[in-house]
Amino acid sequence: MDMPMREIDGWTVSAHVETDEKGKPVAGILSRRLEGRARHMLWLRGFKFRNEREAREHAERVITKIRGVTGEGVPIPS
């Protein structure tokens, strides 16, 4: 499930929540960039959480910390 997307230096960045093989929520960041016909995708997987709400909140917090893009990746400050 993708959350609202944000445009950051040509990348479309969204928080993403899915479930693992045991059904536990996993949060991550999904980034897409279109250049002509080429499409670059970057999936940064987060941590496992007790429920989907916690996973969504974590993914959204990480997205708000993103400041820019260098090269082909989205840096996430620690």
PDB file of N, CA and C in Angstrom:
ATOM      1  N   MET A   1       0.843  -1.163   0.000  1.00  0.00           N
ATOM      2  CA  MET A   1       0.000   0.000   0.000  1.00  0.00           C
ATOM      3  C   MET A   1       0.896   1.235   0.000  1.00  0.00           C
ATOM      4  N   ASP A   2       0.741   2.078  -0.996  1.00  0.00           N
ATOM      5  CA  ASP A   2       1.514   3.305  -1.070  1.00  0.00           C
ATOM      6  C   ASP A   2       0.779   4.427  -0.366  1.00  0.00           C
ATOM      7  N   MET A   3       1.533   5.294   0.254  1.00  0.00           N
ATOM      8  CA  MET A   3       0.979   6.474   0.895  1.00  0.00           C
ATOM      9  C   MET A   3       1.202   7.662  -0.038  1.00  0.00           C
ATOM     10  N   PRO A   4       0.706   8.847   0.319  1.00  0.00           N
ATOM     11  CA  PRO A   4       0.849   9.994  -0.581  1.00  0.00           C
ATOM     12  C   PRO A   4       2.288  10.213  -1.017  1.00  0.00           C
ATOM     13  N   MET A   5       2.449  10.567  -2.292  1.00  0.00           N
ATOM     14  CA  MET A   5       3.774  10.739  -2.858  1.00  0.00           C
ATOM     15  C   MET A   5       4.231  12.180  -2.749  1.00  0.00           C
ATOM     16  N   ARG A   6       5.549  12.364  -2.753  1.00  0.00           N
ATOM     17  CA  ARG A   6       6.147  13.690  -2.746  1.00  0.00           C
ATOM     18  C   ARG A   6       7.211  13.738  -3.827  1.00  0.00           C
ATOM     19  N   GLU A   7       7.337  14.885  -4.447  1.00  0.00           N
ATOM     20  CA  GLU A   7       8.345  15.081  -5.489  1.00  0.00           C
ATOM     21  C   GLU A   7       9.586  15.684  -4.841  1.00  0.00           C
ATOM     22  N   ILE A   8      10.733  15.016  -4.962  1.00  0.00           N
ATOM     23  CA  ILE A   8      11.985  15.499  -4.386  1.00  0.00           C
ATOM     24  C   ILE A   8      13.069  15.386  -5.448  1.00  0.00           C
ATOM     25  N   ASP A   9      13.532  16.508  -5.965  1.00  0.00           N
ATOM     26  CA  ASP A   9      14.608  16.548  -6.958  1.00  0.00           C
ATOM     27  C   ASP A   9      14.398  15.563  -8.102  1.00  0.00           C
ATOM     28  N   GLY A  10      13.211  15.529  -8.656  1.00  0.00           N
ATOM     29  CA  GLY A  10      12.943  14.658  -9.791  1.00  0.00           C
ATOM     30  C   GLY A  10      12.523  13.246  -9.427  1.00  0.00           C
ATOM     31  N   TRP A  11      12.603  12.889  -8.155  1.00  0.00           N
ATOM     32  CA  TRP A  11      12.169  11.569  -7.702  1.00  0.00           C
ATOM     33  C   TRP A  11      10.771  11.683  -7.116  1.00  0.00           C
ATOM     34  N   THR A  12       9.929  10.725  -7.423  1.00  0.00           N
ATOM     35  CA  THR A  12       8.628  10.625  -6.776  1.00  0.00           C
ATOM     36  C   THR A  12       8.811   9.657  -5.617  1.00  0.00           C
ATOM     37  N   VAL A  13       8.660  10.153  -4.409  1.00  0.00           N
ATOM     38  CA  VAL A  13       8.960   9.368  -3.216  1.00  0.00           C
ATOM     39  C   VAL A  13       7.681   9.119  -2.434  1.00  0.00           C
ATOM     40  N   SER A  14       7.450   7.875  -2.047  1.00  0.00           N
ATOM     41  CA  SER A  14       6.266   7.566  -1.251  1.00  0.00           C
ATOM     42  C   SER A  14       6.613   6.580  -0.150  1.00  0.00           C
ATOM     43  N   ALA A  15       5.890   6.698   0.961  1.00  0.00           N
ATOM     44  CA  ALA A  15       6.012   5.704   2.015  1.00  0.00           C
ATOM     45  C   ALA A  15       5.228   4.481   1.557  1.00  0.00           C
ATOM     46  N   HIS A  16       5.732   3.312   1.868  1.00  0.00           N
ATOM     47  CA  HIS A  16       5.118   2.080   1.391  1.00  0.00           C
ATOM     48  C   HIS A  16       5.054   1.095   2.547  1.00  0.00           C
ATOM     49  N   VAL A  17       3.921   0.443   2.696  1.00  0.00           N
ATOM     50  CA  VAL A  17       3.760  -0.566   3.741  1.00  0.00           C
ATOM     51  C   VAL A  17       3.305  -1.862   3.091  1.00  0.00           C
ATOM     52  N   GLU A  18       3.983  -2.947   3.425  1.00  0.00           N
ATOM     53  CA  GLU A  18       3.571  -4.272   2.942  1.00  0.00           C
ATOM     54  C   GLU A  18       3.704  -5.241   4.106  1.00  0.00           C
ATOM     55  N   THR A  19       3.367  -6.498   3.880  1.00  0.00           N
ATOM     56  CA  THR A  19       3.502  -7.491   4.940  1.00  0.00           C
ATOM     57  C   THR A  19       4.557  -8.514   4.545  1.00  0.00           C
ATOM     58  N   ASP A  20       5.231  -9.065   5.556  1.00  0.00           N
ATOM     59  CA  ASP A  20       6.225 -10.097   5.290  1.00  0.00           C
ATOM     60  C   ASP A  20       5.534 -11.461   5.195  1.00  0.00           C
ATOM     61  N   GLU A  21       6.342 -12.515   5.115  1.00  0.00           N
ATOM     62  CA  GLU A  21       5.786 -13.862   4.953  1.00  0.00           C
ATOM     63  C   GLU A  21       4.943 -14.314   6.143  1.00  0.00           C
ATOM     64  N   LYS A  22       5.142 -13.689   7.310  1.00  0.00           N
ATOM     65  CA  LYS A  22       4.358 -14.035   8.497  1.00  0.00           C
ATOM     66  C   LYS A  22       3.183 -13.089   8.717  1.00  0.00           C
ATOM     67  N   GLY A  23       2.989 -12.145   7.794  1.00  0.00           N
ATOM     68  CA  GLY A  23       1.880 -11.211   7.918  1.00  0.00           C
ATOM     69  C   GLY A  23       2.163  -9.979   8.754  1.00  0.00           C
ATOM     70  N   LYS A  24       3.444  -9.783   9.149  1.00  0.00           N
ATOM     71  CA  LYS A  24       3.813  -8.601   9.938  1.00  0.00           C
ATOM     72  C   LYS A  24       4.026  -7.413   9.008  1.00  0.00           C
ATOM     73  N   PRO A  25       3.573  -6.207   9.401  1.00  0.00           N
ATOM     74  CA  PRO A  25       3.773  -5.024   8.562  1.00  0.00           C
ATOM     75  C   PRO A  25       5.250  -4.655   8.451  1.00  0.00           C
ATOM     76  N   VAL A  26       5.655  -4.255   7.264  1.00  0.00           N
ATOM     77  CA  VAL A  26       7.015  -3.794   6.995  1.00  0.00           C
ATOM     78  C   VAL A  26       6.902  -2.439   6.313  1.00  0.00           C
ATOM     79  N   ALA A  27       7.607  -1.447   6.848  1.00  0.00           N
ATOM     80  CA  ALA A  27       7.563  -0.105   6.260  1.00  0.00           C
ATOM     81  C   ALA A  27       8.803   0.126   5.418  1.00  0.00           C
ATOM     82  N   GLY A  28       8.651   0.935   4.397  1.00  0.00           N
ATOM     83  CA  GLY A  28       9.792   1.282   3.573  1.00  0.00           C
ATOM     84  C   GLY A  28       9.499   2.514   2.751  1.00  0.00           C
ATOM     85  N   ILE A  29      10.458   2.902   1.940  1.00  0.00           N
ATOM     86  CA  ILE A  29      10.332   4.059   1.071  1.00  0.00           C
ATOM     87  C   ILE A  29      10.463   3.568  -0.362  1.00  0.00           C
ATOM     88  N   LEU A  30       9.523   3.931  -1.194  1.00  0.00           N
ATOM     89  CA  LEU A  30       9.558   3.558  -2.603  1.00  0.00           C
ATOM     90  C   LEU A  30       9.782   4.832  -3.406  1.00  0.00           C
ATOM     91  N   SER A  31      10.854   4.867  -4.214  1.00  0.00           N
ATOM     92  CA  SER A  31      11.184   6.051  -5.006  1.00  0.00           C
ATOM     93  C   SER A  31      11.181   5.688  -6.476  1.00  0.00           C
ATOM     94  N   ARG A  32      10.636   6.574  -7.298  1.00  0.00           N
ATOM     95  CA  ARG A  32      10.594   6.344  -8.744  1.00  0.00           C
ATOM     96  C   ARG A  32      11.094   7.592  -9.446  1.00  0.00           C
ATOM     97  N   ARG A  33      11.804   7.389 -10.543  1.00  0.00           N
ATOM     98  CA  ARG A  33      12.261   8.519 -11.341  1.00  0.00           C
ATOM     99  C   ARG A  33      12.130   8.144 -12.807  1.00  0.00           C
ATOM    100  N   LEU A  34      11.491   9.007 -13.570  1.00  0.00           N
ATOM    101  CA  LEU A  34      11.319   8.775 -15.000  1.00  0.00           C
ATOM    102  C   LEU A  34      12.255   9.694 -15.766  1.00  0.00           C
ATOM    103  N   GLU A  35      13.035   9.140 -16.677  1.00  0.00           N
ATOM    104  CA  GLU A  35      13.910   9.911 -17.552  1.00  0.00           C
ATOM    105  C   GLU A  35      13.689   9.377 -18.957  1.00  0.00           C
ATOM    106  N   GLY A  36      12.891  10.076 -19.730  1.00  0.00           N
ATOM    107  CA  GLY A  36      12.561   9.575 -21.057  1.00  0.00           C
ATOM    108  C   GLY A  36      11.822   8.263 -20.929  1.00  0.00           C
ATOM    109  N   ARG A  37      12.383   7.210 -21.510  1.00  0.00           N
ATOM    110  CA  ARG A  37      11.759   5.882 -21.401  1.00  0.00           C
ATOM    111  C   ARG A  37      12.317   5.073 -20.247  1.00  0.00           C
ATOM    112  N   ALA A  38      13.405   5.572 -19.653  1.00  0.00           N
ATOM    113  CA  ALA A  38      14.023   4.840 -18.542  1.00  0.00           C
ATOM    114  C   ALA A  38      13.284   5.132 -17.240  1.00  0.00           C
ATOM    115  N   ARG A  39      13.092   4.104 -16.449  1.00  0.00           N
ATOM    116  CA  ARG A  39      12.432   4.269 -15.153  1.00  0.00           C
ATOM    117  C   ARG A  39      13.330   3.671 -14.084  1.00  0.00           C
ATOM    118  N   HIS A  40      13.708   4.492 -13.132  1.00  0.00           N
ATOM    119  CA  HIS A  40      14.556   4.028 -12.038  1.00  0.00           C
ATOM    120  C   HIS A  40      13.687   3.837 -10.807  1.00  0.00           C
ATOM    121  N   MET A  41      13.872   2.730 -10.114  1.00  0.00           N
ATOM    122  CA  MET A  41      13.111   2.497  -8.888  1.00  0.00           C
ATOM    123  C   MET A  41      14.081   2.139  -7.772  1.00  0.00           C
ATOM    124  N   LEU A  42      13.795   2.624  -6.600  1.00  0.00           N
ATOM    125  CA  LEU A  42      14.614   2.341  -5.427  1.00  0.00           C
ATOM    126  C   LEU A  42      13.675   1.977  -4.287  1.00  0.00           C
ATOM    127  N   TRP A  43      13.879   0.821  -3.700  1.00  0.00           N
ATOM    128  CA  TRP A  43      13.019   0.368  -2.598  1.00  0.00           C
ATOM    129  C   TRP A  43      13.898   0.234  -1.366  1.00  0.00           C
ATOM    130  N   LEU A  44      13.683   1.110  -0.399  1.00  0.00           N
ATOM    131  CA  LEU A  44      14.425   1.063   0.852  1.00  0.00           C
ATOM    132  C   LEU A  44      13.522   0.435   1.899  1.00  0.00           C
ATOM    133  N   ARG A  45      13.881  -0.749   2.338  1.00  0.00           N
ATOM    134  CA  ARG A  45      13.025  -1.475   3.267  1.00  0.00           C
ATOM    135  C   ARG A  45      13.312  -1.047   4.698  1.00  0.00           C
ATOM    136  N   GLY A  46      12.278  -0.924   5.461  1.00  0.00           N
ATOM    137  CA  GLY A  46      12.436  -0.481   6.845  1.00  0.00           C
ATOM    138  C   GLY A  46      12.431  -1.636   7.821  1.00  0.00           C
ATOM    139  N   PHE A  47      11.804  -1.439   8.944  1.00  0.00           N
ATOM    140  CA  PHE A  47      11.778  -2.415  10.017  1.00  0.00           C
ATOM    141  C   PHE A  47      10.405  -3.065  10.111  1.00  0.00           C
ATOM    142  N   LYS A  48      10.336  -4.152  10.845  1.00  0.00           N
ATOM    143  CA  LYS A  48       9.047  -4.813  11.058  1.00  0.00           C
ATOM    144  C   LYS A  48       8.377  -4.208  12.289  1.00  0.00           C
ATOM    145  N   PHE A  49       7.063  -4.101  12.231  1.00  0.00           N
ATOM    146  CA  PHE A  49       6.304  -3.452  13.296  1.00  0.00           C
ATOM    147  C   PHE A  49       5.176  -4.346  13.773  1.00  0.00           C
ATOM    148  N   ARG A  50       4.612  -3.993  14.915  1.00  0.00           N
ATOM    149  CA  ARG A  50       3.516  -4.791  15.481  1.00  0.00           C
ATOM    150  C   ARG A  50       2.230  -4.647  14.686  1.00  0.00           C
ATOM    151  N   ASN A  51       2.004  -3.456  14.120  1.00  0.00           N
ATOM    152  CA  ASN A  51       0.768  -3.254  13.369  1.00  0.00           C
ATOM    153  C   ASN A  51       1.002  -2.262  12.235  1.00  0.00           C
ATOM    154  N   GLU A  52       0.038  -2.188  11.343  1.00  0.00           N
ATOM    155  CA  GLU A  52       0.179  -1.350  10.152  1.00  0.00           C
ATOM    156  C   GLU A  52       0.267   0.134  10.501  1.00  0.00           C
ATOM    157  N   ARG A  53      -0.434   0.572  11.524  1.00  0.00           N
ATOM    158  CA  ARG A  53      -0.395   1.986  11.921  1.00  0.00           C
ATOM    159  C   ARG A  53       1.023   2.409  12.292  1.00  0.00           C
ATOM    160  N   GLU A  54       1.721   1.595  13.101  1.00  0.00           N
ATOM    161  CA  GLU A  54       3.098   1.907  13.482  1.00  0.00           C
ATOM    162  C   GLU A  54       4.004   1.931  12.260  1.00  0.00           C
ATOM    163  N   ALA A  55       3.800   0.995  11.346  1.00  0.00           N
ATOM    164  CA  ALA A  55       4.621   0.949  10.136  1.00  0.00           C
ATOM    165  C   ALA A  55       4.404   2.208   9.296  1.00  0.00           C
ATOM    166  N   ARG A  56       3.159   2.624   9.143  1.00  0.00           N
ATOM    167  CA  ARG A  56       2.861   3.838   8.370  1.00  0.00           C
ATOM    168  C   ARG A  56       3.490   5.071   9.011  1.00  0.00           C
ATOM    169  N   GLU A  57       3.355   5.180  10.335  1.00  0.00           N
ATOM    170  CA  GLU A  57       3.900   6.342  11.034  1.00  0.00           C
ATOM    171  C   GLU A  57       5.414   6.406  10.873  1.00  0.00           C
ATOM    172  N   HIS A  58       6.078   5.253  10.972  1.00  0.00           N
ATOM    173  CA  HIS A  58       7.530   5.225  10.804  1.00  0.00           C
ATOM    174  C   HIS A  58       7.921   5.660   9.395  1.00  0.00           C
ATOM    175  N   ALA A  59       7.265   5.100   8.397  1.00  0.00           N
ATOM    176  CA  ALA A  59       7.591   5.436   7.009  1.00  0.00           C
ATOM    177  C   ALA A  59       7.370   6.924   6.751  1.00  0.00           C
ATOM    178  N   GLU A  60       6.315   7.482   7.285  1.00  0.00           N
ATOM    179  CA  GLU A  60       6.037   8.908   7.091  1.00  0.00           C
ATOM    180  C   GLU A  60       7.087   9.774   7.791  1.00  0.00           C
ATOM    181  N   ARG A  61       7.530   9.373   8.984  1.00  0.00           N
ATOM    182  CA  ARG A  61       8.584  10.130   9.682  1.00  0.00           C
ATOM    183  C   ARG A  61       9.872  10.137   8.873  1.00  0.00           C
ATOM    184  N   VAL A  62      10.223   8.987   8.307  1.00  0.00           N
ATOM    185  CA  VAL A  62      11.451   8.911   7.511  1.00  0.00           C
ATOM    186  C   VAL A  62      11.348   9.806   6.286  1.00  0.00           C
ATOM    187  N   ILE A  63      10.211   9.775   5.618  1.00  0.00           N
ATOM    188  CA  ILE A  63      10.027  10.607   4.420  1.00  0.00           C
ATOM    189  C   ILE A  63      10.191  12.082   4.747  1.00  0.00           C
ATOM    190  N   THR A  64       9.713  12.522   5.894  1.00  0.00           N
ATOM    191  CA  THR A  64       9.824  13.942   6.223  1.00  0.00           C
ATOM    192  C   THR A  64      11.265  14.351   6.475  1.00  0.00           C
ATOM    193  N   LYS A  65      12.163  13.383   6.721  1.00  0.00           N
ATOM    194  CA  LYS A  65      13.574  13.699   6.950  1.00  0.00           C
ATOM    195  C   LYS A  65      14.387  13.768   5.659  1.00  0.00           C
ATOM    196  N   ILE A  66      13.828  13.283   4.565  1.00  0.00           N
ATOM    197  CA  ILE A  66      14.587  13.261   3.315  1.00  0.00           C
ATOM    198  C   ILE A  66      14.831  14.692   2.852  1.00  0.00           C
ATOM    199  N   ARG A  67      16.081  15.025   2.553  1.00  0.00           N
ATOM    200  CA  ARG A  67      16.419  16.389   2.167  1.00  0.00           C
ATOM    201  C   ARG A  67      16.747  16.527   0.686  1.00  0.00           C
ATOM    202  N   GLY A  68      17.133  15.458   0.023  1.00  0.00           N
ATOM    203  CA  GLY A  68      17.495  15.574  -1.380  1.00  0.00           C
ATOM    204  C   GLY A  68      17.947  14.248  -1.942  1.00  0.00           C
ATOM    205  N   VAL A  69      18.407  14.293  -3.162  1.00  0.00           N
ATOM    206  CA  VAL A  69      18.826  13.084  -3.857  1.00  0.00           C
ATOM    207  C   VAL A  69      20.249  13.281  -4.355  1.00  0.00           C
ATOM    208  N   THR A  70      21.087  12.286  -4.143  1.00  0.00           N
ATOM    209  CA  THR A  70      22.435  12.318  -4.698  1.00  0.00           C
ATOM    210  C   THR A  70      22.607  11.081  -5.549  1.00  0.00           C
ATOM    211  N   GLY A  71      23.075  11.237  -6.751  1.00  0.00           N
ATOM    212  CA  GLY A  71      23.268  10.098  -7.646  1.00  0.00           C
ATOM    213  C   GLY A  71      21.963   9.386  -7.905  1.00  0.00           C
ATOM    214  N   GLU A  72      21.954   8.076  -7.761  1.00  0.00           N
ATOM    215  CA  GLU A  72      20.767   7.273  -8.037  1.00  0.00           C
ATOM    216  C   GLU A  72      20.061   6.829  -6.764  1.00  0.00           C
ATOM    217  N   GLY A  73      20.383   7.433  -5.640  1.00  0.00           N
ATOM    218  CA  GLY A  73      19.756   6.992  -4.396  1.00  0.00           C
ATOM    219  C   GLY A  73      19.148   8.125  -3.612  1.00  0.00           C
ATOM    220  N   VAL A  74      18.307   7.794  -2.687  1.00  0.00           N
ATOM    221  CA  VAL A  74      17.686   8.772  -1.799  1.00  0.00           C
ATOM    222  C   VAL A  74      18.346   8.620  -0.436  1.00  0.00           C
ATOM    223  N   PRO A  75      19.107   9.638   0.009  1.00  0.00           N
ATOM    224  CA  PRO A  75      19.756   9.521   1.317  1.00  0.00           C
ATOM    225  C   PRO A  75      18.741   9.675   2.445  1.00  0.00           C
ATOM    226  N   ILE A  76      18.853   8.847   3.457  1.00  0.00           N
ATOM    227  CA  ILE A  76      17.982   8.952   4.617  1.00  0.00           C
ATOM    228  C   ILE A  76      18.866   9.259   5.821  1.00  0.00           C
ATOM    229  N   PRO A  77      18.737  10.456   6.393  1.00  0.00           N
ATOM    230  CA  PRO A  77      19.578  10.821   7.540  1.00  0.00           C
ATOM    231  C   PRO A  77      19.333   9.895   8.723  1.00  0.00           C
ATOM    232  N   SER A  78      20.379   9.639   9.489  1.00  0.00           N
ATOM    233  CA  SER A  78      20.215   8.767  10.656  1.00  0.00           C
ATOM    234  C   SER A  78      19.796   9.579  11.856  1.00  0.00           C
TER     235      SER A  78
END
